[in-house]
Amino acid sequence: MTDSASSPTTTAVTLDTRGRPLRDLRISVTDRCNFRCVYCMPRDTFGPDHAFLPRQEILTFEEIARLAGLFTRLGVTKVRLTGGEPLVRRDLETLVAMLRSNPAITDLTLTTNGSLLARHARTLAGAGLSRVTISLDALDDPTFGRMNDARFPVAQVMEGMRAAEGAGLGPIKVNMVVKRGWNEAAVLPMARHFRWSDQSVRFIEYMDVGHSNGWRLDDVVPASEILAMISAEFPLEPMAPTERGEVARRYRYTDGAGEIGLIASVTQPFCGDCVRARISADGKLFTCLFAVAGHDLRSLVRSDASDEEIEARLRRVWNLRDDRYSELRSAETVGLPKVEMSYIGG
């Protein structure tokens, strides 16, 4: 077996059937989370009797590092660690250090709910993490508590944010999922709070990931409505994308107070420029956030398959990729047994 973490990457571009290159890899390190957000892990499904993945089925750090190294041979330069809540997995800084040793990974990031970030930020930064994205769906405790269904206070997320900034894990991006009837009144307070800061808020349309969150189109607050809401108080102007595959449409405040992002997977699909692959905690490869099935990589890495054989498998999967769920979203996609966000990573 070769050392994939330090193997040289190939220069050949790996394209799917629609000409989309592979650039970003999202790796879920656990399917567990200490929140029960209504759009991701609703408590009536993920209750005390829910069966999470057994430890032996979850990829080890060594297996993750090996796979990440092989993905860099196909063109991946950005790796994001997700969950579940990735910080509930012990010794995550060990994995960060292993991934950071691969020079082909130029951007190594983490998405977290921020609840445990204050105690881990400095260690993660020391291990080589580049930056963090923090999920925060409101600034007032009643609304935030209703969204996360864990009675977790905003103040502790803010403490984690400050710790991340102090450790150099910036610039920080803040993700806010907006669900009608739940937290759309929190949009303007979020915009007001983060103006003139180094943090950029990305307002995300409530998406039909998985099948347990009871998604309905009527629950979606369109990005255009969010934009109009904010622009009425703080005029905004569009910004040009910085690279292919950038999912957030960025807008800057005309008074120079920073920027926001809008992720409109429902009303303004961006499938045509999607350059992301995802690996679940138990080693399944998914080529779309809305996938109904994955490709088993765990059995490959736990077999006697060589790096070259696994790389060929990865390349074949991406070459055959034709996903465009958000462009096809219609009555025909309702009821599909899609994989849960907590399993695949957001």
Protein backbone atom coordinates (compact mmCIF):
# COMPACT_ATOMS: atom_id res chain seq x y z
CA MET A 1 0.00 0.00 0.00
CA THR A 2 1.37 3.44 -0.89
CA ASP A 3 1.14 6.51 1.30
CA SER A 4 -1.72 8.40 -0.36
CA ALA A 5 -1.45 11.36 1.97
CA SER A 6 1.89 12.28 0.43
CA SER A 7 1.47 10.86 -3.06
CA PRO A 8 1.80 13.33 -5.94
CA THR A 9 -1.42 14.36 -7.59
CA THR A 10 -2.11 13.86 -11.26
CA THR A 11 -2.46 16.85 -13.54
CA ALA A 12 -5.31 15.37 -15.59
CA VAL A 13 -8.67 17.00 -14.95
CA THR A 14 -11.40 14.56 -13.90
CA LEU A 15 -14.72 15.50 -15.50
CA ASP A 16 -18.22 14.10 -15.16
CA THR A 17 -20.73 13.66 -17.98
CA ARG A 18 -21.64 17.35 -17.85
CA GLY A 19 -18.06 18.56 -17.94
CA ARG A 20 -17.89 19.37 -14.22
CA PRO A 21 -14.47 18.90 -12.59
CA LEU A 22 -13.96 17.39 -9.15
CA ARG A 23 -12.54 20.04 -6.82
CA ASP A 24 -14.21 19.84 -3.39
CA LEU A 25 -14.52 16.90 -1.02
CA ARG A 26 -16.77 16.93 2.03
CA ILE A 27 -16.06 14.25 4.60
CA SER A 28 -18.54 13.38 7.35
CA VAL A 29 -16.61 12.13 10.37
CA THR A 30 -19.70 11.16 12.39
CA ASP A 31 -23.46 10.80 12.01
CA ARG A 32 -24.00 12.00 15.60
CA CYS A 33 -24.91 15.50 16.73
CA ASN A 34 -25.79 17.21 20.00
CA PHE A 35 -28.44 19.37 18.28
CA ARG A 36 -31.78 18.26 16.85
CA CYS A 37 -32.29 20.95 14.23
CA VAL A 38 -35.73 20.77 12.65
CA TYR A 39 -34.38 20.82 9.09
CA CYS A 40 -31.70 18.19 9.65
CA MET A 41 -32.24 15.84 12.62
CA PRO A 42 -35.81 16.34 13.87
CA ARG A 43 -36.22 14.85 17.32
CA ASP A 44 -39.26 12.76 16.45
CA THR A 45 -37.01 10.76 14.09
CA PHE A 46 -33.66 11.09 15.84
CA GLY A 47 -34.88 10.40 19.35
CA PRO A 48 -33.24 8.52 22.22
CA ASP A 49 -33.88 5.16 20.51
CA HIS A 50 -32.31 6.15 17.20
CA ALA A 51 -29.60 3.71 16.10
CA PHE A 52 -26.47 5.59 15.10
CA LEU A 53 -23.61 3.95 13.26
CA PRO A 54 -21.57 1.48 15.34
CA ARG A 55 -17.98 2.60 15.87
CA GLN A 56 -16.53 -0.24 13.81
CA GLU A 57 -18.50 0.89 10.76
CA ILE A 58 -17.10 4.42 10.84
CA LEU A 59 -13.97 5.17 8.85
CA THR A 60 -10.80 5.52 10.88
CA PHE A 61 -8.68 8.65 10.55
CA GLU A 62 -6.11 6.62 8.60
CA GLU A 63 -8.78 5.44 6.15
CA ILE A 64 -10.09 8.98 5.71
CA ALA A 65 -6.60 10.35 5.08
CA ARG A 66 -5.91 7.64 2.54
CA LEU A 67 -9.11 8.35 0.62
CA ALA A 68 -8.56 12.10 0.73
CA GLY A 69 -5.10 11.56 -0.70
CA LEU A 70 -6.54 9.56 -3.56
CA PHE A 71 -9.15 12.22 -4.25
CA THR A 72 -6.40 14.82 -4.62
CA ARG A 73 -5.07 12.74 -7.52
CA LEU A 74 -8.40 13.42 -9.24
CA GLY A 75 -8.21 17.17 -8.71
CA VAL A 76 -9.53 17.81 -5.19
CA THR A 77 -7.85 20.76 -3.50
CA LYS A 78 -10.50 21.65 -0.91
CA VAL A 79 -11.53 19.36 1.94
CA ARG A 80 -14.28 20.16 4.44
CA LEU A 81 -14.94 18.11 7.57
CA THR A 82 -18.61 17.78 8.46
CA GLY A 83 -21.04 15.56 10.37
CA GLY A 84 -23.38 15.31 12.15
CA GLU A 85 -21.45 17.58 14.44
CA PRO A 86 -17.79 16.83 13.69
CA LEU A 87 -16.54 18.04 17.07
CA VAL A 88 -18.33 15.25 18.91
CA ARG A 89 -15.75 12.90 17.42
CA ARG A 90 -12.75 12.55 19.69
CA ASP A 91 -9.27 13.72 18.75
CA LEU A 92 -10.40 15.37 15.54
CA GLU A 93 -7.22 17.45 15.52
CA THR A 94 -5.33 14.23 14.77
CA LEU A 95 -7.22 13.87 11.50
CA VAL A 96 -6.71 17.56 10.73
CA ALA A 97 -2.94 17.15 11.11
CA MET A 98 -2.96 14.06 8.88
CA LEU A 99 -4.86 15.88 6.13
CA ARG A 100 -2.75 19.01 6.47
CA SER A 101 0.36 16.93 5.70
CA ASN A 102 -0.95 16.54 2.14
CA PRO A 103 0.34 19.56 0.16
CA ALA A 104 -2.34 19.08 -2.49
CA ILE A 105 -5.02 20.11 0.03
CA THR A 106 -4.84 23.89 -0.07
CA ASP A 107 -8.03 24.61 1.87
CA LEU A 108 -8.93 22.49 4.92
CA THR A 109 -12.10 23.63 6.66
CA LEU A 110 -14.74 22.56 9.17
CA THR A 111 -18.49 23.08 9.43
CA THR A 112 -19.76 23.06 13.01
CA ASN A 113 -22.72 24.17 15.10
CA GLY A 114 -20.20 25.97 17.31
CA SER A 115 -21.31 24.37 20.57
CA LEU A 116 -17.93 22.76 21.28
CA LEU A 117 -15.73 25.14 19.35
CA ALA A 118 -14.52 27.24 22.28
CA ARG A 119 -12.68 24.28 23.79
CA HIS A 120 -11.24 22.98 20.51
CA ALA A 121 -10.50 26.03 18.35
CA ARG A 122 -6.88 26.57 19.34
CA THR A 123 -6.00 22.87 19.07
CA LEU A 124 -7.60 22.60 15.63
CA ALA A 125 -5.79 25.69 14.42
CA GLY A 126 -2.51 24.32 15.72
CA ALA A 127 -3.12 21.08 13.82
CA GLY A 128 -3.53 23.00 10.56
CA LEU A 129 -7.23 23.74 10.09
CA SER A 130 -7.68 26.71 7.75
CA ARG A 131 -11.02 28.13 8.82
CA VAL A 132 -14.50 27.28 10.10
CA THR A 133 -18.10 27.73 9.04
CA ILE A 134 -20.57 28.03 11.92
CA SER A 135 -24.28 27.25 11.73
CA LEU A 136 -26.42 29.84 13.50
CA ASP A 137 -30.11 30.15 12.65
CA ALA A 138 -31.05 33.11 14.88
CA LEU A 139 -29.57 35.51 17.41
CA ASP A 140 -32.32 35.31 20.02
CA ASP A 141 -32.49 32.28 22.27
CA PRO A 142 -36.22 31.50 21.84
CA THR A 143 -35.95 31.29 18.04
CA PHE A 144 -32.55 29.60 18.06
CA GLY A 145 -33.74 27.09 20.64
CA ARG A 146 -36.79 26.32 18.57
CA MET A 147 -34.60 25.67 15.53
CA ASN A 148 -31.93 23.54 17.26
CA ASP A 149 -34.38 21.82 19.66
CA ALA A 150 -31.59 21.36 22.18
CA ARG A 151 -32.06 24.39 24.44
CA PHE A 152 -28.60 25.56 23.49
CA PRO A 153 -27.95 29.29 24.01
CA VAL A 154 -26.69 31.66 21.35
CA ALA A 155 -24.07 33.00 23.76
CA GLN A 156 -22.12 29.74 23.70
CA VAL A 157 -22.03 29.70 19.90
CA MET A 158 -20.75 33.28 20.00
CA GLU A 159 -18.10 32.20 22.50
CA GLY A 160 -16.98 29.53 20.05
CA MET A 161 -16.91 32.09 17.26
CA ARG A 162 -14.68 34.39 19.30
CA ALA A 163 -12.39 31.49 20.15
CA ALA A 164 -12.11 30.57 16.48
CA GLU A 165 -11.26 34.15 15.56
CA GLY A 166 -8.68 34.31 18.32
CA ALA A 167 -7.09 31.11 17.05
CA GLY A 168 -6.86 32.46 13.50
CA LEU A 169 -9.60 30.27 12.01
CA GLY A 170 -11.01 32.98 9.83
CA PRO A 171 -12.53 34.56 7.97
CA ILE A 172 -15.56 32.85 9.50
CA LYS A 173 -18.66 32.12 7.49
CA VAL A 174 -22.00 31.89 9.28
CA ASN A 175 -24.73 29.66 7.82
CA MET A 176 -28.38 30.47 8.51
CA VAL A 177 -31.06 28.12 7.21
CA VAL A 178 -34.29 30.08 6.79
CA LYS A 179 -37.57 28.24 7.27
CA ARG A 180 -40.88 30.06 6.86
CA GLY A 181 -42.89 30.35 10.03
CA TRP A 182 -39.86 29.51 12.12
CA ASN A 183 -37.06 32.03 11.80
CA GLU A 184 -37.53 34.39 8.86
CA ALA A 185 -37.98 37.23 11.38
CA ALA A 186 -34.36 36.60 12.43
CA VAL A 187 -32.94 37.45 8.99
CA LEU A 188 -32.65 41.22 9.51
CA PRO A 189 -31.22 40.95 13.04
CA MET A 190 -28.56 38.60 11.64
CA ALA A 191 -27.74 41.04 8.85
CA ARG A 192 -27.57 43.94 11.30
CA HIS A 193 -25.37 42.10 13.75
CA PHE A 194 -22.75 40.88 11.27
CA ARG A 195 -22.46 44.08 9.24
CA TRP A 196 -19.08 45.72 9.71
CA SER A 197 -17.64 42.44 10.98
CA ASP A 198 -15.22 39.99 9.44
CA GLN A 199 -17.92 37.32 9.37
CA SER A 200 -20.01 36.73 6.27
CA VAL A 201 -23.55 35.39 6.70
CA ARG A 202 -24.89 32.97 4.12
CA PHE A 203 -28.66 32.75 4.09
CA ILE A 204 -29.72 29.28 2.92
CA GLU A 205 -33.05 28.23 1.49
CA TYR A 206 -34.63 25.38 3.42
CA MET A 207 -33.85 22.29 1.33
CA ASP A 208 -35.46 18.89 0.86
CA VAL A 209 -32.42 16.90 1.95
CA GLY A 210 -33.36 13.50 3.34
CA HIS A 211 -36.95 12.55 4.05
CA SER A 212 -37.44 13.07 7.80
CA ASN A 213 -37.76 16.86 7.97
CA GLY A 214 -41.22 17.04 6.40
CA TRP A 215 -40.05 19.48 3.72
CA ARG A 216 -42.70 21.43 1.84
CA LEU A 217 -42.16 24.07 -0.83
CA ASP A 218 -44.40 26.42 1.16
CA ASP A 219 -41.79 26.36 3.96
CA VAL A 220 -39.11 27.80 1.68
CA VAL A 221 -38.31 31.50 1.96
CA PRO A 222 -36.91 32.24 -1.52
CA ALA A 223 -33.50 33.87 -1.72
CA SER A 224 -35.07 36.71 -3.70
CA GLU A 225 -37.34 37.47 -0.73
CA ILE A 226 -34.41 37.39 1.69
CA LEU A 227 -32.43 39.70 -0.60
CA ALA A 228 -35.33 42.15 -0.83
CA MET A 229 -35.81 42.06 2.93
CA ILE A 230 -32.20 43.00 3.63
CA SER A 231 -31.83 45.42 0.71
CA ALA A 232 -34.80 47.45 1.89
CA GLU A 233 -32.78 48.47 4.95
CA PHE A 234 -29.20 47.99 3.73
CA PRO A 235 -28.80 48.34 -0.07
CA LEU A 236 -26.82 45.53 -1.67
CA GLU A 237 -25.13 45.01 -5.02
CA PRO A 238 -24.10 41.71 -6.64
CA MET A 239 -20.52 40.49 -6.61
CA ALA A 240 -18.85 38.36 -9.27
CA PRO A 241 -18.13 34.74 -8.31
CA THR A 242 -14.52 34.01 -7.47
CA GLU A 243 -14.46 30.47 -8.87
CA ARG A 244 -16.54 27.77 -10.53
CA GLY A 245 -18.63 25.80 -8.07
CA GLU A 246 -19.20 28.69 -5.67
CA VAL A 247 -22.67 27.90 -4.36
CA ALA A 248 -23.39 31.20 -2.65
CA ARG A 249 -24.39 34.19 -4.73
CA ARG A 250 -22.54 37.02 -3.04
CA TYR A 251 -23.71 40.58 -2.48
CA ARG A 252 -21.85 43.50 -0.92
CA TYR A 253 -23.36 46.30 1.10
CA THR A 254 -23.10 49.49 -0.92
CA ASP A 255 -21.88 51.37 2.16
CA GLY A 256 -18.87 49.07 2.46
CA ALA A 257 -20.14 47.16 5.51
CA GLY A 258 -19.14 43.73 4.18
CA GLU A 259 -21.03 41.08 2.26
CA ILE A 260 -23.65 38.35 2.50
CA GLY A 261 -24.25 35.16 0.54
CA LEU A 262 -27.48 33.58 -0.68
CA ILE A 263 -27.66 29.83 -1.29
CA ALA A 264 -30.73 29.19 -3.40
CA SER A 265 -30.66 25.50 -4.21
CA VAL A 266 -34.45 25.38 -4.48
CA THR A 267 -35.32 28.49 -6.49
CA GLN A 268 -32.07 29.06 -8.39
CA PRO A 269 -30.37 25.65 -8.84
CA PHE A 270 -26.62 25.63 -9.39
CA CYS A 271 -26.19 22.00 -10.43
CA GLY A 272 -24.40 22.99 -13.62
CA ASP A 273 -21.37 24.19 -11.68
CA CYS A 274 -21.33 21.65 -8.82
CA VAL A 275 -17.80 20.35 -8.22
CA ARG A 276 -18.41 18.52 -4.91
CA ALA A 277 -18.24 14.94 -3.78
CA ARG A 278 -19.17 13.68 -0.32
CA ILE A 279 -18.05 10.77 1.83
CA SER A 280 -20.31 9.59 4.63
CA ALA A 281 -18.98 8.59 8.04
CA ASP A 282 -19.20 4.91 7.09
CA GLY A 283 -17.33 5.38 3.84
CA LYS A 284 -19.94 5.76 1.12
CA LEU A 285 -19.26 8.13 -1.74
CA PHE A 286 -22.10 10.41 -2.81
CA THR A 287 -21.97 12.61 -5.87
CA CYS A 288 -24.99 14.74 -4.92
CA LEU A 289 -26.38 16.17 -1.68
CA PHE A 290 -29.80 14.81 -2.70
CA ALA A 291 -28.60 11.31 -3.56
CA VAL A 292 -30.63 8.19 -2.82
CA ALA A 293 -27.64 5.83 -2.73
CA GLY A 294 -23.86 5.89 -2.41
CA HIS A 295 -20.84 3.93 -3.57
CA ASP A 296 -19.15 1.76 -0.95
CA LEU A 297 -15.55 2.81 -0.40
CA ARG A 298 -15.09 1.29 3.05
CA SER A 299 -15.00 -2.25 1.72
CA LEU A 300 -12.34 -1.19 -0.76
CA VAL A 301 -10.04 0.46 1.77
CA ARG A 302 -10.48 -2.49 4.14
CA SER A 303 -9.63 -4.98 1.41
CA ASP A 304 -6.28 -5.57 -0.26
CA ALA A 305 -7.15 -3.15 -3.05
CA SER A 306 -4.21 -0.98 -4.07
CA ASP A 307 -4.31 2.81 -4.19
CA GLU A 308 -4.32 2.59 -7.97
CA GLU A 309 -7.37 0.32 -7.98
CA ILE A 310 -9.27 2.58 -5.59
CA GLU A 311 -8.28 5.66 -7.57
CA ALA A 312 -9.58 4.04 -10.75
CA ARG A 313 -12.89 3.32 -9.01
CA LEU A 314 -13.21 6.92 -7.83
CA ARG A 315 -12.42 8.25 -11.27
CA ARG A 316 -14.98 5.95 -12.87
CA VAL A 317 -17.72 7.05 -10.46
CA TRP A 318 -17.05 10.72 -11.16
CA ASN A 319 -16.75 10.22 -14.92
CA LEU A 320 -20.24 8.65 -14.93
CA ARG A 321 -21.78 11.32 -12.69
CA ASP A 322 -24.83 13.04 -14.17
CA ASP A 323 -26.57 14.41 -11.03
CA ARG A 324 -28.76 17.50 -11.32
CA TYR A 325 -31.45 16.96 -8.71
CA SER A 326 -32.19 20.62 -8.02
CA GLU A 327 -32.74 21.29 -11.72
CA LEU A 328 -35.16 18.36 -11.89
CA ARG A 329 -36.96 19.05 -8.59
CA SER A 330 -40.67 18.54 -9.28
CA ALA A 331 -43.57 16.31 -8.38
CA GLU A 332 -41.49 13.43 -9.75
CA THR A 333 -38.86 13.83 -7.02
CA VAL A 334 -41.28 14.00 -4.11
CA GLY A 335 -40.99 11.00 -1.81
CA LEU A 336 -37.61 9.78 -3.02
CA PRO A 337 -35.75 8.01 -0.17
CA LYS A 338 -32.92 10.57 -0.11
CA VAL A 339 -30.03 10.23 2.33
CA GLU A 340 -30.32 12.32 5.51
CA MET A 341 -28.16 15.43 5.81
CA SER A 342 -26.77 14.30 9.17
CA TYR A 343 -25.44 11.18 7.45
CA ILE A 344 -24.04 12.68 4.27
CA GLY A 345 -22.89 16.04 5.59
CA GLY A 346 -24.35 19.38 4.51
